[in-house]
């Protein structure tokens, strides 16, 4: 449980920091908006793929045992 909590805390901190800093690196307003949209989309895709692969792995392990 401690390992899962540490992964959640570190990934949550890292993900939020990347979202916050991605838009600040740009100078124009349009570029900041695009950077925010792209970084949040990439984060959501990563979370979805990670959840789906975790579900697939757990189903595979459960079926083999």
N, C-alpha and C. Protein backbone atom coordinates (compact mmCIF):
# COMPACT_ATOMS: atom_id res chain seq x y z
N UNK A 1 0.82 -1.18 0.00
CA UNK A 1 0.00 0.00 0.00
C UNK A 1 0.87 1.26 0.00
N UNK A 2 1.99 1.19 0.68
CA UNK A 2 2.89 2.34 0.73
C UNK A 2 3.48 2.62 -0.65
N UNK A 3 3.80 1.58 -1.39
CA UNK A 3 4.35 1.75 -2.73
C UNK A 3 3.33 2.42 -3.64
N UNK A 4 2.08 1.98 -3.59
CA UNK A 4 1.03 2.56 -4.42
C UNK A 4 0.80 4.02 -4.05
N UNK A 5 0.80 4.32 -2.76
CA UNK A 5 0.66 5.71 -2.32
C UNK A 5 1.82 6.59 -2.80
N UNK A 6 3.02 6.05 -2.75
CA UNK A 6 4.17 6.85 -3.21
C UNK A 6 4.12 7.06 -4.71
N UNK A 7 3.70 6.03 -5.47
CA UNK A 7 3.54 6.21 -6.92
C UNK A 7 2.47 7.26 -7.22
N UNK A 8 1.36 7.20 -6.52
CA UNK A 8 0.28 8.17 -6.73
C UNK A 8 0.71 9.58 -6.40
N UNK A 9 1.41 9.74 -5.30
CA UNK A 9 1.85 11.08 -4.90
C UNK A 9 2.89 11.64 -5.87
N UNK A 10 3.85 10.81 -6.25
CA UNK A 10 4.89 11.31 -7.15
C UNK A 10 4.35 11.57 -8.55
N UNK A 11 3.51 10.68 -9.05
CA UNK A 11 2.95 10.87 -10.37
C UNK A 11 1.97 12.05 -10.39
N UNK A 12 1.17 12.18 -9.36
CA UNK A 12 0.26 13.31 -9.27
C UNK A 12 1.01 14.63 -9.21
N UNK A 13 2.05 14.67 -8.42
CA UNK A 13 2.86 15.89 -8.32
C UNK A 13 3.54 16.20 -9.64
N UNK A 14 4.13 15.18 -10.25
CA UNK A 14 4.83 15.39 -11.51
C UNK A 14 3.86 15.79 -12.62
N UNK A 15 2.71 15.13 -12.69
CA UNK A 15 1.73 15.46 -13.73
C UNK A 15 1.20 16.87 -13.59
N UNK A 16 0.88 17.27 -12.39
CA UNK A 16 0.37 18.63 -12.16
C UNK A 16 1.44 19.68 -12.44
N UNK A 17 2.66 19.38 -12.05
CA UNK A 17 3.75 20.32 -12.31
C UNK A 17 3.98 20.50 -13.80
N UNK A 18 3.94 19.39 -14.55
CA UNK A 18 4.11 19.48 -16.00
C UNK A 18 2.98 20.28 -16.64
N UNK A 19 1.76 20.09 -16.18
CA UNK A 19 0.63 20.85 -16.71
C UNK A 19 0.79 22.34 -16.42
N UNK A 20 1.23 22.67 -15.23
CA UNK A 20 1.38 24.08 -14.87
C UNK A 20 2.52 24.75 -15.62
N UNK A 21 3.63 24.05 -15.77
CA UNK A 21 4.81 24.66 -16.38
C UNK A 21 4.80 24.64 -17.90
N UNK A 22 4.00 23.77 -18.51
CA UNK A 22 3.98 23.69 -19.97
C UNK A 22 3.50 24.99 -20.59
N UNK A 23 2.46 25.55 -20.03
CA UNK A 23 1.91 26.78 -20.60
C UNK A 23 2.77 28.01 -20.26
N UNK A 24 3.46 27.98 -19.15
CA UNK A 24 4.28 29.13 -18.77
C UNK A 24 5.51 29.31 -19.65
N UNK A 25 5.93 28.26 -20.34
CA UNK A 25 7.12 28.36 -21.16
C UNK A 25 6.88 29.16 -22.44
N UNK A 26 5.63 29.30 -22.84
CA UNK A 26 5.29 30.02 -24.07
C UNK A 26 5.08 31.50 -23.77
N UNK A 27 5.25 32.34 -24.79
CA UNK A 27 5.11 33.77 -24.58
C UNK A 27 3.78 34.32 -25.08
N UNK A 28 3.28 33.85 -26.20
CA UNK A 28 2.02 34.40 -26.71
C UNK A 28 0.84 33.66 -26.09
N UNK A 29 -0.30 34.35 -26.04
CA UNK A 29 -1.46 33.77 -25.40
C UNK A 29 -1.97 32.54 -26.16
N UNK A 30 -1.99 32.61 -27.50
CA UNK A 30 -2.44 31.48 -28.30
C UNK A 30 -1.57 30.25 -28.10
N UNK A 31 -0.27 30.47 -28.01
CA UNK A 31 0.65 29.35 -27.79
C UNK A 31 0.46 28.75 -26.41
N UNK A 32 0.19 29.58 -25.40
CA UNK A 32 -0.06 29.07 -24.05
C UNK A 32 -1.33 28.24 -24.01
N UNK A 33 -2.37 28.69 -24.72
CA UNK A 33 -3.62 27.92 -24.75
C UNK A 33 -3.41 26.57 -25.42
N UNK A 34 -2.70 26.56 -26.55
CA UNK A 34 -2.42 25.29 -27.24
C UNK A 34 -1.58 24.37 -26.38
N UNK A 35 -0.59 24.93 -25.70
CA UNK A 35 0.27 24.10 -24.84
C UNK A 35 -0.54 23.50 -23.70
N UNK A 36 -1.46 24.27 -23.14
CA UNK A 36 -2.31 23.75 -22.07
C UNK A 36 -3.22 22.65 -22.55
N UNK A 37 -3.82 22.84 -23.72
CA UNK A 37 -4.73 21.82 -24.27
C UNK A 37 -3.96 20.55 -24.60
N UNK A 38 -2.82 20.70 -25.25
CA UNK A 38 -2.05 19.52 -25.66
C UNK A 38 -1.52 18.77 -24.44
N UNK A 39 -1.01 19.48 -23.45
CA UNK A 39 -0.46 18.79 -22.28
C UNK A 39 -1.56 18.11 -21.46
N UNK A 40 -2.72 18.74 -21.33
CA UNK A 40 -3.80 18.07 -20.60
C UNK A 40 -4.34 16.88 -21.38
N UNK A 41 -4.41 16.99 -22.71
CA UNK A 41 -4.84 15.86 -23.52
C UNK A 41 -3.85 14.70 -23.39
N UNK A 42 -2.56 15.00 -23.45
CA UNK A 42 -1.55 13.95 -23.31
C UNK A 42 -1.62 13.28 -21.95
N UNK A 43 -1.88 14.06 -20.91
CA UNK A 43 -2.01 13.49 -19.57
C UNK A 43 -3.22 12.57 -19.48
N UNK A 44 -4.34 12.98 -20.05
CA UNK A 44 -5.55 12.15 -20.02
C UNK A 44 -5.38 10.87 -20.84
N UNK A 45 -4.71 10.97 -21.98
CA UNK A 45 -4.45 9.77 -22.78
C UNK A 45 -3.54 8.82 -22.02
N UNK A 46 -2.52 9.35 -21.38
CA UNK A 46 -1.62 8.51 -20.60
C UNK A 46 -2.31 7.83 -19.44
N UNK A 47 -3.18 8.56 -18.75
CA UNK A 47 -3.93 7.95 -17.65
C UNK A 47 -4.89 6.88 -18.15
N UNK A 48 -5.52 7.12 -19.28
CA UNK A 48 -6.46 6.14 -19.84
C UNK A 48 -5.74 4.89 -20.30
N UNK A 49 -4.62 5.06 -20.99
CA UNK A 49 -3.86 3.90 -21.46
C UNK A 49 -3.30 3.11 -20.27
N UNK A 50 -2.83 3.80 -19.26
CA UNK A 50 -2.32 3.12 -18.07
C UNK A 50 -3.41 2.34 -17.35
N UNK A 51 -4.59 2.92 -17.24
CA UNK A 51 -5.70 2.22 -16.59
C UNK A 51 -6.15 1.01 -17.39
N UNK A 52 -6.24 1.19 -18.70
CA UNK A 52 -6.66 0.08 -19.55
C UNK A 52 -5.65 -1.06 -19.54
N UNK A 53 -4.37 -0.72 -19.59
CA UNK A 53 -3.36 -1.77 -19.56
C UNK A 53 -3.32 -2.47 -18.20
N UNK A 54 -3.53 -1.73 -17.12
CA UNK A 54 -3.59 -2.35 -15.80
C UNK A 54 -4.77 -3.30 -15.69
N UNK A 55 -5.91 -2.91 -16.23
CA UNK A 55 -7.07 -3.79 -16.23
C UNK A 55 -6.81 -5.04 -17.06
N UNK A 56 -6.20 -4.87 -18.22
CA UNK A 56 -5.88 -6.01 -19.08
C UNK A 56 -4.90 -6.96 -18.39
N UNK A 57 -3.91 -6.43 -17.73
CA UNK A 57 -2.93 -7.27 -17.03
C UNK A 57 -3.61 -8.02 -15.88
N UNK A 58 -4.45 -7.33 -15.12
CA UNK A 58 -5.11 -8.01 -14.00
C UNK A 58 -6.06 -9.10 -14.49
N UNK A 59 -6.75 -8.87 -15.60
CA UNK A 59 -7.63 -9.89 -16.15
C UNK A 59 -6.82 -11.08 -16.68
N UNK A 60 -5.68 -10.81 -17.28
CA UNK A 60 -4.81 -11.87 -17.80
C UNK A 60 -4.25 -12.72 -16.66
N UNK A 61 -3.81 -12.08 -15.59
CA UNK A 61 -3.25 -12.79 -14.45
C UNK A 61 -4.34 -13.62 -13.76
N UNK A 62 -5.54 -13.05 -13.63
CA UNK A 62 -6.64 -13.75 -12.98
C UNK A 62 -7.08 -14.95 -13.80
N UNK A 63 -7.05 -14.84 -15.13
CA UNK A 63 -7.46 -15.94 -15.99
C UNK A 63 -6.44 -17.08 -15.98
N UNK A 64 -5.16 -16.75 -15.80
CA UNK A 64 -4.14 -17.79 -15.83
C UNK A 64 -3.99 -18.50 -14.50
N UNK A 65 -4.53 -17.96 -13.42
CA UNK A 65 -4.36 -18.64 -12.13
C UNK A 65 -5.56 -19.42 -11.70
